[in-house]
Amino acid sequence: MKYLILIFVTFIIMEPACSQPPDSRPPVRNDAFDKELTRLLSFSVPTIGVRELKDIQNEVYIFDAREEEEYRTSHIEGARYLGYKKFEKQNLADVPKNAKVVLYCSVGYRSEKMGERLLKMGFTDVNNLYGSIFEWVNQGYPIVGPDGEPTRKVHTYNSKWSQWIVNDQAEKVW
């Protein structure tokens, strides 16, 4: 019985430490958004910052883990649609398992879940864009519409989530 109690107490003490966000996460423009991200994410997939992705944008596979309507509104240039609820596995067919893959969604929750899925599928270099398309837009990086032309429209999922877009140049739609 005392071993059972010891195991139980150890588990209770260790659990909060396991769910803590990393100290060295990528920077975001809004401290409140960062706090929300650390609450939402489990950090089960390595993160990459928007500045870092911008520097290697043409050297990696970028996938959008939002729904098709969100992707059609706007996306990061070069990003391919992957989906979330309607996962489009065939969009990964030409991607080597050891290629660097970056996933994003609105804020990073759905892309983290898809990253977990890709890791289980055998992909070895999967990264979640910290702050996702919202932070990309907040830092002033361009997005494109369905025609590949620059746009200011960003799908914010709903009015509640739109609060995390702080770039006044962005046009929020949901």
C-alpha atoms as a PDB file:
ATOM      1  CA  MET A   1       0.000   0.000   0.000  1.00  0.00           C
ATOM      2  CA  LYS A   2       2.790   2.443   0.816  1.00  0.00           C
ATOM      3  CA  TYR A   3       4.290   1.837  -2.662  1.00  0.00           C
ATOM      4  CA  LEU A   4       0.957   2.644  -4.242  1.00  0.00           C
ATOM      5  CA  ILE A   5       0.755   5.875  -2.240  1.00  0.00           C
ATOM      6  CA  LEU A   6       4.346   6.747  -3.190  1.00  0.00           C
ATOM      7  CA  ILE A   7       3.606   6.182  -6.893  1.00  0.00           C
ATOM      8  CA  PHE A   8       0.408   8.231  -6.658  1.00  0.00           C
ATOM      9  CA  VAL A   9       2.125  11.159  -4.895  1.00  0.00           C
ATOM     10  CA  THR A  10       5.021  11.071  -7.372  1.00  0.00           C
ATOM     11  CA  PHE A  11       2.601  11.153 -10.297  1.00  0.00           C
ATOM     12  CA  ILE A  12       0.710  14.136  -8.840  1.00  0.00           C
ATOM     13  CA  ILE A  13       3.942  16.050  -8.226  1.00  0.00           C
ATOM     14  CA  MET A  14       5.425  15.265 -11.653  1.00  0.00           C
ATOM     15  CA  GLU A  15       2.306  15.896 -13.777  1.00  0.00           C
ATOM     16  CA  PRO A  16       2.427  19.718 -13.620  1.00  0.00           C
ATOM     17  CA  ALA A  17       6.105  19.694 -14.532  1.00  0.00           C
ATOM     18  CA  CYS A  18       5.373  17.603 -17.634  1.00  0.00           C
ATOM     19  CA  SER A  19       2.757  20.010 -18.925  1.00  0.00           C
ATOM     20  CA  GLN A  20       4.777  23.203 -18.573  1.00  0.00           C
ATOM     21  CA  PRO A  21       5.541  25.154 -21.765  1.00  0.00           C
ATOM     22  CA  PRO A  22       9.200  25.351 -22.764  1.00  0.00           C
ATOM     23  CA  ASP A  23      11.089  28.422 -21.596  1.00  0.00           C
ATOM     24  CA  SER A  24      12.666  28.911 -25.024  1.00  0.00           C
ATOM     25  CA  ARG A  25       9.535  29.154 -27.159  1.00  0.00           C
ATOM     26  CA  PRO A  26       9.483  31.480 -30.177  1.00  0.00           C
ATOM     27  CA  PRO A  27       8.568  35.138 -29.586  1.00  0.00           C
ATOM     28  CA  VAL A  28       5.120  36.543 -30.342  1.00  0.00           C
ATOM     29  CA  ARG A  29       4.024  40.198 -30.523  1.00  0.00           C
ATOM     30  CA  ASN A  30       1.327  39.954 -27.866  1.00  0.00           C
ATOM     31  CA  ASP A  31       2.061  38.693 -24.327  1.00  0.00           C
ATOM     32  CA  ALA A  32      -1.607  37.809 -23.743  1.00  0.00           C
ATOM     33  CA  PHE A  33      -1.586  35.711 -26.923  1.00  0.00           C
ATOM     34  CA  ASP A  34       1.565  33.937 -25.735  1.00  0.00           C
ATOM     35  CA  LYS A  35      -0.161  33.170 -22.439  1.00  0.00           C
ATOM     36  CA  GLU A  36      -3.185  31.777 -24.326  1.00  0.00           C
ATOM     37  CA  LEU A  37      -0.912  29.637 -26.497  1.00  0.00           C
ATOM     38  CA  THR A  38       0.851  28.160 -23.475  1.00  0.00           C
ATOM     39  CA  ARG A  39      -2.575  27.272 -22.075  1.00  0.00           C
ATOM     40  CA  LEU A  40      -3.816  25.670 -25.311  1.00  0.00           C
ATOM     41  CA  LEU A  41      -0.768  23.756 -26.499  1.00  0.00           C
ATOM     42  CA  SER A  42       0.758  20.627 -25.009  1.00  0.00           C
ATOM     43  CA  PHE A  43       4.115  21.204 -26.812  1.00  0.00           C
ATOM     44  CA  SER A  44       4.057  17.593 -27.996  1.00  0.00           C
ATOM     45  CA  VAL A  45       5.461  18.697 -31.382  1.00  0.00           C
ATOM     46  CA  PRO A  46       8.552  20.916 -31.718  1.00  0.00           C
ATOM     47  CA  THR A  47       7.695  24.544 -32.401  1.00  0.00           C
ATOM     48  CA  ILE A  48       9.171  26.914 -34.948  1.00  0.00           C
ATOM     49  CA  GLY A  49       8.782  30.696 -34.901  1.00  0.00           C
ATOM     50  CA  VAL A  50       7.368  32.758 -37.747  1.00  0.00           C
ATOM     51  CA  ARG A  51      10.659  34.596 -38.334  1.00  0.00           C
ATOM     52  CA  GLU A  52      12.502  31.293 -38.574  1.00  0.00           C
ATOM     53  CA  LEU A  53       9.928  29.889 -40.999  1.00  0.00           C
ATOM     54  CA  LYS A  54      10.109  33.045 -43.139  1.00  0.00           C
ATOM     55  CA  ASP A  55      13.866  32.495 -43.499  1.00  0.00           C
ATOM     56  CA  ILE A  56      13.420  28.902 -44.740  1.00  0.00           C
ATOM     57  CA  GLN A  57       9.979  29.184 -46.325  1.00  0.00           C
ATOM     58  CA  ASN A  58      11.094  27.913 -49.735  1.00  0.00           C
ATOM     59  CA  GLU A  59      13.112  25.028 -48.307  1.00  0.00           C
ATOM     60  CA  VAL A  60      10.409  23.201 -46.319  1.00  0.00           C
ATOM     61  CA  TYR A  61       7.017  21.599 -46.804  1.00  0.00           C
ATOM     62  CA  ILE A  62       4.354  23.859 -45.297  1.00  0.00           C
ATOM     63  CA  PHE A  63       0.887  22.483 -44.605  1.00  0.00           C
ATOM     64  CA  ASP A  64      -2.276  24.285 -43.540  1.00  0.00           C
ATOM     65  CA  ALA A  65      -4.219  22.239 -40.968  1.00  0.00           C
ATOM     66  CA  ARG A  66      -7.335  24.413 -41.045  1.00  0.00           C
ATOM     67  CA  GLU A  67     -10.556  23.639 -42.844  1.00  0.00           C
ATOM     68  CA  GLU A  68     -10.871  24.266 -46.567  1.00  0.00           C
ATOM     69  CA  GLU A  69     -12.920  27.477 -46.205  1.00  0.00           C
ATOM     70  CA  GLU A  70     -10.226  28.968 -43.974  1.00  0.00           C
ATOM     71  CA  TYR A  71      -7.469  27.924 -46.384  1.00  0.00           C
ATOM     72  CA  ARG A  72      -9.366  29.360 -49.372  1.00  0.00           C
ATOM     73  CA  THR A  73      -9.749  32.709 -47.588  1.00  0.00           C
ATOM     74  CA  SER A  74      -5.970  33.025 -47.248  1.00  0.00           C
ATOM     75  CA  HIS A  75      -2.883  31.026 -46.441  1.00  0.00           C
ATOM     76  CA  ILE A  76       0.870  31.329 -46.202  1.00  0.00           C
ATOM     77  CA  GLU A  77       2.378  31.372 -49.685  1.00  0.00           C
ATOM     78  CA  GLY A  78       3.538  27.902 -50.692  1.00  0.00           C
ATOM     79  CA  ALA A  79       1.405  26.189 -48.059  1.00  0.00           C
ATOM     80  CA  ARG A  80      -0.553  23.153 -49.098  1.00  0.00           C
ATOM     81  CA  TYR A  81      -3.975  22.246 -47.762  1.00  0.00           C
ATOM     82  CA  LEU A  82      -3.946  19.325 -45.329  1.00  0.00           C
ATOM     83  CA  GLY A  83      -7.171  19.810 -43.416  1.00  0.00           C
ATOM     84  CA  TYR A  84      -8.074  18.838 -39.883  1.00  0.00           C
ATOM     85  CA  LYS A  85     -11.509  17.260 -39.607  1.00  0.00           C
ATOM     86  CA  LYS A  86     -11.308  16.369 -43.273  1.00  0.00           C
ATOM     87  CA  PHE A  87      -7.685  15.188 -43.272  1.00  0.00           C
ATOM     88  CA  GLU A  88      -6.317  14.946 -46.825  1.00  0.00           C
ATOM     89  CA  LYS A  89      -3.649  12.240 -46.401  1.00  0.00           C
ATOM     90  CA  GLN A  90      -2.974  12.092 -50.163  1.00  0.00           C
ATOM     91  CA  ASN A  91      -1.473  15.602 -49.928  1.00  0.00           C
ATOM     92  CA  LEU A  92       1.463  13.996 -48.115  1.00  0.00           C
ATOM     93  CA  ALA A  93       2.094  11.321 -50.762  1.00  0.00           C
ATOM     94  CA  ASP A  94       5.123  13.063 -52.318  1.00  0.00           C
ATOM     95  CA  VAL A  95       6.677  14.186 -49.018  1.00  0.00           C
ATOM     96  CA  PRO A  96       9.688  12.155 -47.848  1.00  0.00           C
ATOM     97  CA  LYS A  97       9.310  10.923 -44.248  1.00  0.00           C
ATOM     98  CA  ASN A  98      12.572  12.702 -43.290  1.00  0.00           C
ATOM     99  CA  ALA A  99      11.685  16.068 -44.899  1.00  0.00           C
ATOM    100  CA  LYS A 100      11.233  19.157 -42.749  1.00  0.00           C
ATOM    101  CA  VAL A 101       7.480  19.708 -42.413  1.00  0.00           C
ATOM    102  CA  VAL A 102       5.903  22.810 -40.868  1.00  0.00           C
ATOM    103  CA  LEU A 103       2.226  22.773 -39.919  1.00  0.00           C
ATOM    104  CA  TYR A 104       0.035  25.698 -38.996  1.00  0.00           C
ATOM    105  CA  CYS A 105      -3.621  26.488 -38.361  1.00  0.00           C
ATOM    106  CA  SER A 106      -5.152  29.587 -36.757  1.00  0.00           C
ATOM    107  CA  VAL A 107      -3.264  29.574 -33.450  1.00  0.00           C
ATOM    108  CA  GLY A 108      -1.470  26.213 -33.361  1.00  0.00           C
ATOM    109  CA  TYR A 109      -3.818  23.807 -31.592  1.00  0.00           C
ATOM    110  CA  ARG A 110      -5.104  21.920 -34.636  1.00  0.00           C
ATOM    111  CA  SER A 111      -1.677  21.918 -36.286  1.00  0.00           C
ATOM    112  CA  GLU A 112      -0.155  20.449 -33.128  1.00  0.00           C
ATOM    113  CA  LYS A 113      -2.725  17.625 -33.216  1.00  0.00           C
ATOM    114  CA  MET A 114      -1.965  17.018 -36.913  1.00  0.00           C
ATOM    115  CA  GLY A 115       1.754  17.087 -36.084  1.00  0.00           C
ATOM    116  CA  GLU A 116       1.207  14.315 -33.550  1.00  0.00           C
ATOM    117  CA  ARG A 117      -0.585  12.359 -36.272  1.00  0.00           C
ATOM    118  CA  LEU A 118       2.256  12.855 -38.776  1.00  0.00           C
ATOM    119  CA  LEU A 119       4.825  11.739 -36.209  1.00  0.00           C
ATOM    120  CA  LYS A 120       2.799   8.550 -35.661  1.00  0.00           C
ATOM    121  CA  MET A 121       2.765   8.077 -39.449  1.00  0.00           C
ATOM    122  CA  GLY A 122       6.579   8.034 -39.425  1.00  0.00           C
ATOM    123  CA  PHE A 123       7.480  11.615 -40.350  1.00  0.00           C
ATOM    124  CA  THR A 124      10.602  12.556 -38.395  1.00  0.00           C
ATOM    125  CA  ASP A 125      11.024  16.341 -38.731  1.00  0.00           C
ATOM    126  CA  VAL A 126       7.603  17.807 -37.945  1.00  0.00           C
ATOM    127  CA  ASN A 127       7.246  21.346 -36.572  1.00  0.00           C
ATOM    128  CA  ASN A 128       4.273  23.385 -35.341  1.00  0.00           C
ATOM    129  CA  LEU A 129       4.313  27.086 -36.247  1.00  0.00           C
ATOM    130  CA  TYR A 130       4.047  28.853 -32.888  1.00  0.00           C
ATOM    131  CA  GLY A 131       1.107  31.247 -33.056  1.00  0.00           C
ATOM    132  CA  SER A 132       0.362  29.881 -36.541  1.00  0.00           C
ATOM    133  CA  ILE A 133      -1.171  32.120 -39.221  1.00  0.00           C
ATOM    134  CA  PHE A 134      -2.377  34.627 -36.606  1.00  0.00           C
ATOM    135  CA  GLU A 135       1.199  35.345 -35.500  1.00  0.00           C
ATOM    136  CA  TRP A 136       2.401  35.266 -39.128  1.00  0.00           C
ATOM    137  CA  VAL A 137      -0.085  38.057 -39.888  1.00  0.00           C
ATOM    138  CA  ASN A 138       0.652  39.881 -36.612  1.00  0.00           C
ATOM    139  CA  GLN A 139       4.327  40.110 -37.567  1.00  0.00           C
ATOM    140  CA  GLY A 140       3.411  41.574 -40.953  1.00  0.00           C
ATOM    141  CA  TYR A 141       4.281  38.631 -43.190  1.00  0.00           C
ATOM    142  CA  PRO A 142       2.217  38.280 -46.364  1.00  0.00           C
ATOM    143  CA  ILE A 143      -0.609  35.851 -46.982  1.00  0.00           C
ATOM    144  CA  VAL A 144      -2.217  34.958 -50.293  1.00  0.00           C
ATOM    145  CA  GLY A 145      -5.753  34.258 -51.422  1.00  0.00           C
ATOM    146  CA  PRO A 146      -7.024  31.376 -53.539  1.00  0.00           C
ATOM    147  CA  ASP A 147      -5.658  33.044 -56.698  1.00  0.00           C
ATOM    148  CA  GLY A 148      -2.142  33.239 -55.219  1.00  0.00           C
ATOM    149  CA  GLU A 149      -2.332  37.023 -55.016  1.00  0.00           C
ATOM    150  CA  PRO A 150      -1.603  38.911 -51.790  1.00  0.00           C
ATOM    151  CA  THR A 151      -4.612  39.555 -49.565  1.00  0.00           C
ATOM    152  CA  ARG A 152      -5.311  41.184 -46.225  1.00  0.00           C
ATOM    153  CA  LYS A 153      -8.144  38.765 -45.402  1.00  0.00           C
ATOM    154  CA  VAL A 154      -7.503  36.217 -42.705  1.00  0.00           C
ATOM    155  CA  HIS A 155     -10.102  33.724 -41.526  1.00  0.00           C
ATOM    156  CA  THR A 156     -10.210  34.049 -37.742  1.00  0.00           C
ATOM    157  CA  TYR A 157     -12.479  31.028 -37.149  1.00  0.00           C
ATOM    158  CA  ASN A 158     -14.990  33.125 -35.177  1.00  0.00           C
ATOM    159  CA  SER A 159     -15.307  36.518 -33.488  1.00  0.00           C
ATOM    160  CA  LYS A 160     -13.833  35.248 -30.198  1.00  0.00           C
ATOM    161  CA  TRP A 161     -10.600  34.092 -31.821  1.00  0.00           C
ATOM    162  CA  SER A 162     -10.292  37.262 -33.907  1.00  0.00           C
ATOM    163  CA  GLN A 163      -9.060  39.121 -30.805  1.00  0.00           C
ATOM    164  CA  TRP A 164      -5.646  37.504 -31.314  1.00  0.00           C
ATOM    165  CA  ILE A 165      -5.059  39.283 -34.627  1.00  0.00           C
ATOM    166  CA  VAL A 166      -3.497  42.589 -33.552  1.00  0.00           C
ATOM    167  CA  ASN A 167      -2.199  43.742 -36.937  1.00  0.00           C
ATOM    168  CA  ASP A 168      -4.452  46.649 -37.970  1.00  0.00           C
ATOM    169  CA  GLN A 169      -3.723  45.930 -41.645  1.00  0.00           C
ATOM    170  CA  ALA A 170      -5.453  42.526 -41.463  1.00  0.00           C
ATOM    171  CA  GLU A 171      -9.075  42.144 -42.506  1.00  0.00           C
ATOM    172  CA  LYS A 172     -10.696  39.624 -40.150  1.00  0.00           C
ATOM    173  CA  VAL A 173     -13.364  37.330 -41.603  1.00  0.00           C
ATOM    174  CA  TRP A 174     -15.214  34.328 -40.168  1.00  0.00           C
END
